[in-house]
Amino acid sequence: MTSSTLDDLRRDIDRVDEVLVRLLNERARCVCEVGRLKKEQGVDVYQPDREKAVLEHVRSVAAEGPLGAEAVARLFERIIDEARRLERRVVHDGIDPLEGPDGIKG
């Protein structure tokens, strides 16, 4: 059995962080689409029942790892806060956050 060095473990964490950022951006793209649909359908951005369901779901998934259900729920509360902010930009400000400053989707 090999022993990992601190540098090896930090590189592993960096790789995981990169994957997390990509996944968060993928989630954000879905959120933008949800925002567009909510705008078209006249649905409020804030959906407390949906947010509660998301938190319940991630708590149940968290049982599979060492982080713990409440820690994961706290992280997702922040993710949901940012998602709601992004949706509001789409719904209320008419901003397409997927477009860059030059108007080209990135």
N, C-alpha and C. Protein backbone atom coordinates (compact mmCIF):
# COMPACT_ATOMS: atom_id res chain seq x y z
N MET A 1 0.84 -1.17 0.00
CA MET A 1 0.00 0.00 0.00
C MET A 1 0.89 1.24 0.00
N THR A 2 0.54 2.22 -0.86
CA THR A 2 1.35 3.43 -0.94
C THR A 2 0.75 4.52 -0.07
N SER A 3 1.62 5.36 0.40
CA SER A 3 1.20 6.48 1.23
C SER A 3 1.22 7.75 0.39
N SER A 4 0.10 8.50 0.42
CA SER A 4 0.02 9.76 -0.32
C SER A 4 0.74 10.86 0.44
N THR A 5 1.37 11.72 -0.31
CA THR A 5 1.98 12.89 0.32
C THR A 5 0.94 14.00 0.40
N LEU A 6 1.25 15.00 1.17
CA LEU A 6 0.37 16.16 1.28
C LEU A 6 0.16 16.80 -0.09
N ASP A 7 1.23 16.92 -0.87
CA ASP A 7 1.11 17.50 -2.21
C ASP A 7 0.21 16.65 -3.11
N ASP A 8 0.34 15.33 -3.02
CA ASP A 8 -0.53 14.45 -3.82
C ASP A 8 -1.99 14.67 -3.47
N LEU A 9 -2.27 14.73 -2.18
CA LEU A 9 -3.65 14.92 -1.74
C LEU A 9 -4.19 16.28 -2.15
N ARG A 10 -3.34 17.30 -2.09
CA ARG A 10 -3.78 18.63 -2.52
C ARG A 10 -4.07 18.66 -4.02
N ARG A 11 -3.27 17.95 -4.80
CA ARG A 11 -3.54 17.85 -6.24
C ARG A 11 -4.87 17.14 -6.48
N ASP A 12 -5.13 16.10 -5.71
CA ASP A 12 -6.42 15.41 -5.81
C ASP A 12 -7.57 16.36 -5.49
N ILE A 13 -7.42 17.14 -4.44
CA ILE A 13 -8.45 18.12 -4.07
C ILE A 13 -8.63 19.14 -5.18
N ASP A 14 -7.54 19.62 -5.77
CA ASP A 14 -7.64 20.58 -6.88
C ASP A 14 -8.43 19.99 -8.05
N ARG A 15 -8.17 18.72 -8.36
CA ARG A 15 -8.90 18.07 -9.46
C ARG A 15 -10.39 17.96 -9.13
N VAL A 16 -10.70 17.60 -7.91
CA VAL A 16 -12.10 17.50 -7.49
C VAL A 16 -12.76 18.88 -7.55
N ASP A 17 -12.04 19.90 -7.11
CA ASP A 17 -12.57 21.27 -7.16
C ASP A 17 -12.90 21.68 -8.59
N GLU A 18 -12.04 21.32 -9.53
CA GLU A 18 -12.29 21.65 -10.94
C GLU A 18 -13.57 20.97 -11.43
N VAL A 19 -13.76 19.73 -11.05
CA VAL A 19 -14.98 19.00 -11.43
C VAL A 19 -16.21 19.65 -10.79
N LEU A 20 -16.08 20.03 -9.53
CA LEU A 20 -17.20 20.69 -8.84
C LEU A 20 -17.59 21.99 -9.53
N VAL A 21 -16.61 22.78 -9.92
CA VAL A 21 -16.90 24.05 -10.60
C VAL A 21 -17.61 23.78 -11.93
N ARG A 22 -17.14 22.80 -12.68
CA ARG A 22 -17.81 22.46 -13.94
C ARG A 22 -19.25 22.03 -13.69
N LEU A 23 -19.46 21.21 -12.68
CA LEU A 23 -20.82 20.74 -12.35
C LEU A 23 -21.71 21.89 -11.86
N LEU A 24 -21.15 22.79 -11.08
CA LEU A 24 -21.92 23.95 -10.63
C LEU A 24 -22.33 24.82 -11.82
N ASN A 25 -21.44 24.98 -12.78
CA ASN A 25 -21.78 25.76 -13.97
C ASN A 25 -22.82 25.03 -14.83
N GLU A 26 -22.74 23.73 -14.89
CA GLU A 26 -23.77 22.95 -15.60
C GLU A 26 -25.13 23.14 -14.91
N ARG A 27 -25.12 23.09 -13.59
CA ARG A 27 -26.35 23.32 -12.82
C ARG A 27 -26.87 24.73 -13.08
N ALA A 28 -25.98 25.71 -13.13
CA ALA A 28 -26.37 27.10 -13.37
C ALA A 28 -27.00 27.26 -14.75
N ARG A 29 -26.49 26.55 -15.74
CA ARG A 29 -27.10 26.61 -17.08
C ARG A 29 -28.53 26.08 -17.02
N CYS A 30 -28.75 25.00 -16.28
CA CYS A 30 -30.12 24.48 -16.11
C CYS A 30 -31.00 25.50 -15.40
N VAL A 31 -30.45 26.16 -14.39
CA VAL A 31 -31.18 27.19 -13.65
C VAL A 31 -31.60 28.32 -14.58
N CYS A 32 -30.74 28.71 -15.49
CA CYS A 32 -31.09 29.77 -16.45
C CYS A 32 -32.26 29.34 -17.32
N GLU A 33 -32.25 28.11 -17.74
CA GLU A 33 -33.36 27.59 -18.54
C GLU A 33 -34.65 27.58 -17.72
N VAL A 34 -34.56 27.17 -16.46
CA VAL A 34 -35.72 27.20 -15.57
C VAL A 34 -36.23 28.63 -15.45
N GLY A 35 -35.33 29.58 -15.29
CA GLY A 35 -35.71 30.98 -15.20
C GLY A 35 -36.44 31.46 -16.44
N ARG A 36 -35.96 31.06 -17.61
CA ARG A 36 -36.64 31.45 -18.85
C ARG A 36 -38.06 30.89 -18.90
N LEU A 37 -38.20 29.63 -18.50
CA LEU A 37 -39.54 29.01 -18.49
C LEU A 37 -40.44 29.68 -17.47
N LYS A 38 -39.91 29.98 -16.30
CA LYS A 38 -40.72 30.66 -15.28
C LYS A 38 -41.18 32.02 -15.79
N LYS A 39 -40.30 32.72 -16.50
CA LYS A 39 -40.68 34.02 -17.05
C LYS A 39 -41.79 33.86 -18.07
N GLU A 40 -41.65 32.91 -18.97
CA GLU A 40 -42.67 32.66 -20.00
C GLU A 40 -44.01 32.30 -19.38
N GLN A 41 -43.97 31.51 -18.29
CA GLN A 41 -45.19 30.99 -17.69
C GLN A 41 -45.71 31.86 -16.54
N GLY A 42 -44.98 32.92 -16.21
CA GLY A 42 -45.41 33.80 -15.14
C GLY A 42 -45.33 33.17 -13.76
N VAL A 43 -44.36 32.30 -13.56
CA VAL A 43 -44.18 31.59 -12.29
C VAL A 43 -43.17 32.35 -11.44
N ASP A 44 -43.42 32.45 -10.14
CA ASP A 44 -42.50 33.12 -9.23
C ASP A 44 -41.15 32.40 -9.19
N VAL A 45 -40.09 33.18 -9.04
CA VAL A 45 -38.75 32.60 -8.91
C VAL A 45 -38.68 31.77 -7.63
N TYR A 46 -39.12 32.34 -6.53
CA TYR A 46 -39.00 31.66 -5.24
C TYR A 46 -40.04 30.56 -5.13
N GLN A 47 -39.57 29.33 -5.01
CA GLN A 47 -40.42 28.15 -4.90
C GLN A 47 -40.00 27.37 -3.66
N PRO A 48 -40.51 27.77 -2.48
CA PRO A 48 -40.03 27.15 -1.23
C PRO A 48 -40.25 25.64 -1.16
N ASP A 49 -41.31 25.14 -1.74
CA ASP A 49 -41.54 23.69 -1.71
C ASP A 49 -40.47 22.96 -2.52
N ARG A 50 -40.10 23.53 -3.66
CA ARG A 50 -39.05 22.91 -4.49
C ARG A 50 -37.71 22.96 -3.76
N GLU A 51 -37.41 24.10 -3.15
CA GLU A 51 -36.15 24.21 -2.41
C GLU A 51 -36.10 23.21 -1.26
N LYS A 52 -37.21 23.04 -0.57
CA LYS A 52 -37.27 22.05 0.51
C LYS A 52 -37.03 20.64 -0.03
N ALA A 53 -37.63 20.33 -1.18
CA ALA A 53 -37.45 19.01 -1.78
C ALA A 53 -35.99 18.78 -2.18
N VAL A 54 -35.34 19.81 -2.73
CA VAL A 54 -33.92 19.68 -3.11
C VAL A 54 -33.09 19.39 -1.87
N LEU A 55 -33.32 20.14 -0.80
CA LEU A 55 -32.54 19.94 0.43
C LEU A 55 -32.78 18.55 1.02
N GLU A 56 -34.01 18.08 0.99
CA GLU A 56 -34.30 16.72 1.48
C GLU A 56 -33.56 15.68 0.64
N HIS A 57 -33.57 15.90 -0.67
CA HIS A 57 -32.89 14.96 -1.57
C HIS A 57 -31.39 14.92 -1.29
N VAL A 58 -30.74 16.08 -1.19
CA VAL A 58 -29.29 16.07 -0.98
C VAL A 58 -28.93 15.54 0.41
N ARG A 59 -29.80 15.76 1.38
CA ARG A 59 -29.56 15.16 2.71
C ARG A 59 -29.55 13.63 2.61
N SER A 60 -30.46 13.09 1.83
CA SER A 60 -30.51 11.63 1.69
C SER A 60 -29.29 11.09 0.95
N VAL A 61 -28.80 11.83 -0.04
CA VAL A 61 -27.61 11.42 -0.77
C VAL A 61 -26.38 11.54 0.12
N ALA A 62 -26.37 12.53 1.00
CA ALA A 62 -25.22 12.78 1.88
C ALA A 62 -24.96 11.63 2.83
N ALA A 63 -25.94 10.81 3.05
CA ALA A 63 -25.76 9.66 3.94
C ALA A 63 -24.68 8.71 3.42
N GLU A 64 -24.33 8.86 2.14
CA GLU A 64 -23.34 7.98 1.52
C GLU A 64 -21.90 8.40 1.80
N GLY A 65 -21.68 9.53 2.45
CA GLY A 65 -20.31 10.01 2.61
C GLY A 65 -20.04 10.59 3.98
N PRO A 66 -18.81 11.01 4.22
CA PRO A 66 -18.38 11.46 5.55
C PRO A 66 -18.79 12.89 5.89
N LEU A 67 -19.27 13.66 4.93
CA LEU A 67 -19.53 15.06 5.19
C LEU A 67 -20.73 15.28 6.11
N GLY A 68 -21.73 14.46 5.99
CA GLY A 68 -22.89 14.58 6.85
C GLY A 68 -24.02 15.35 6.20
N ALA A 69 -25.24 14.95 6.51
CA ALA A 69 -26.42 15.50 5.87
C ALA A 69 -26.59 16.99 6.11
N GLU A 70 -26.35 17.44 7.33
CA GLU A 70 -26.56 18.87 7.63
C GLU A 70 -25.49 19.74 6.98
N ALA A 71 -24.27 19.26 6.92
CA ALA A 71 -23.20 20.02 6.24
C ALA A 71 -23.52 20.15 4.75
N VAL A 72 -23.97 19.07 4.14
CA VAL A 72 -24.32 19.11 2.73
C VAL A 72 -25.51 20.04 2.51
N ALA A 73 -26.48 20.00 3.41
CA ALA A 73 -27.64 20.88 3.29
C ALA A 73 -27.22 22.35 3.37
N ARG A 74 -26.29 22.66 4.28
CA ARG A 74 -25.81 24.05 4.38
C ARG A 74 -25.12 24.49 3.08
N LEU A 75 -24.33 23.61 2.50
CA LEU A 75 -23.69 23.94 1.23
C LEU A 75 -24.73 24.19 0.14
N PHE A 76 -25.73 23.34 0.10
CA PHE A 76 -26.76 23.48 -0.92
C PHE A 76 -27.65 24.69 -0.68
N GLU A 77 -27.80 25.12 0.55
CA GLU A 77 -28.53 26.36 0.80
C GLU A 77 -27.85 27.52 0.09
N ARG A 78 -26.52 27.54 0.13
CA ARG A 78 -25.77 28.60 -0.58
C ARG A 78 -25.90 28.43 -2.09
N ILE A 79 -25.83 27.20 -2.57
CA ILE A 79 -25.98 26.95 -4.00
C ILE A 79 -27.36 27.41 -4.46
N ILE A 80 -28.38 27.11 -3.68
CA ILE A 80 -29.75 27.52 -4.02
C ILE A 80 -29.87 29.04 -3.99
N ASP A 81 -29.25 29.69 -3.00
CA ASP A 81 -29.27 31.16 -2.95
C ASP A 81 -28.71 31.76 -4.24
N GLU A 82 -27.59 31.24 -4.68
CA GLU A 82 -26.97 31.76 -5.91
C GLU A 82 -27.82 31.42 -7.13
N ALA A 83 -28.43 30.26 -7.14
CA ALA A 83 -29.31 29.88 -8.25
C ALA A 83 -30.51 30.81 -8.31
N ARG A 84 -31.08 31.13 -7.17
CA ARG A 84 -32.23 32.04 -7.13
C ARG A 84 -31.83 33.42 -7.64
N ARG A 85 -30.64 33.88 -7.24
CA ARG A 85 -30.13 35.17 -7.71
C ARG A 85 -29.99 35.17 -9.23
N LEU A 86 -29.46 34.08 -9.77
CA LEU A 86 -29.30 33.94 -11.22
C LEU A 86 -30.65 33.92 -11.92
N GLU A 87 -31.60 33.18 -11.38
CA GLU A 87 -32.95 33.13 -11.96
C GLU A 87 -33.58 34.52 -11.98
N ARG A 88 -33.41 35.27 -10.89
CA ARG A 88 -33.98 36.62 -10.83
C ARG A 88 -33.41 37.51 -11.94
N ARG A 89 -32.12 37.35 -12.21
CA ARG A 89 -31.51 38.13 -13.30
C ARG A 89 -32.18 37.78 -14.62
N VAL A 90 -32.48 36.51 -14.83
CA VAL A 90 -33.12 36.08 -16.07
C VAL A 90 -34.56 36.58 -16.12
N VAL A 91 -35.30 36.39 -15.03
CA VAL A 91 -36.73 36.68 -15.02
C VAL A 91 -37.01 38.18 -14.95
N HIS A 92 -36.37 38.87 -14.02
CA HIS A 92 -36.73 40.27 -13.77
C HIS A 92 -35.91 41.27 -14.56
N ASP A 93 -34.66 40.96 -14.82
CA ASP A 93 -33.80 41.92 -15.49
C ASP A 93 -33.67 41.64 -16.99
N GLY A 94 -34.19 40.50 -17.42
CA GLY A 94 -34.09 40.14 -18.83
C GLY A 94 -32.68 39.86 -19.28
N ILE A 95 -31.81 39.58 -18.33
CA ILE A 95 -30.40 39.32 -18.64
C ILE A 95 -30.23 37.85 -19.00
N ASP A 96 -29.43 37.61 -20.01
CA ASP A 96 -29.06 36.24 -20.33
C ASP A 96 -27.66 36.01 -19.80
N PRO A 97 -27.56 35.40 -18.60
CA PRO A 97 -26.24 35.21 -18.00
C PRO A 97 -25.34 34.26 -18.77
N LEU A 98 -25.91 33.56 -19.75
CA LEU A 98 -25.09 32.67 -20.56
C LEU A 98 -24.33 33.44 -21.63
N GLU A 99 -24.73 34.68 -21.87
CA GLU A 99 -24.03 35.49 -22.86
C GLU A 99 -22.87 36.23 -22.22
N GLY A 100 -21.79 36.30 -22.94
CA GLY A 100 -20.64 37.05 -22.47
C GLY A 100 -20.86 38.54 -22.72
N PRO A 101 -19.90 39.36 -22.35
CA PRO A 101 -20.04 40.81 -22.53
C PRO A 101 -20.18 41.22 -23.99
N ASP A 102 -19.73 40.37 -24.90
CA ASP A 102 -19.83 40.71 -26.33
C ASP A 102 -21.11 40.16 -26.96
N GLY A 103 -22.01 39.60 -26.12
CA GLY A 103 -23.29 39.09 -26.62
C GLY A 103 -23.21 37.70 -27.20
N ILE A 104 -22.08 37.05 -27.08
CA ILE A 104 -21.89 35.71 -27.62
C ILE A 104 -22.04 34.71 -26.48
N LYS A 105 -22.85 33.68 -26.72
CA LYS A 105 -23.02 32.66 -25.68
C LYS A 105 -21.73 31.89 -25.51
N GLY A 106 -21.40 31.67 -24.23
CA GLY A 106 -20.14 30.99 -23.95
C GLY A 106 -20.27 29.68 -23.34
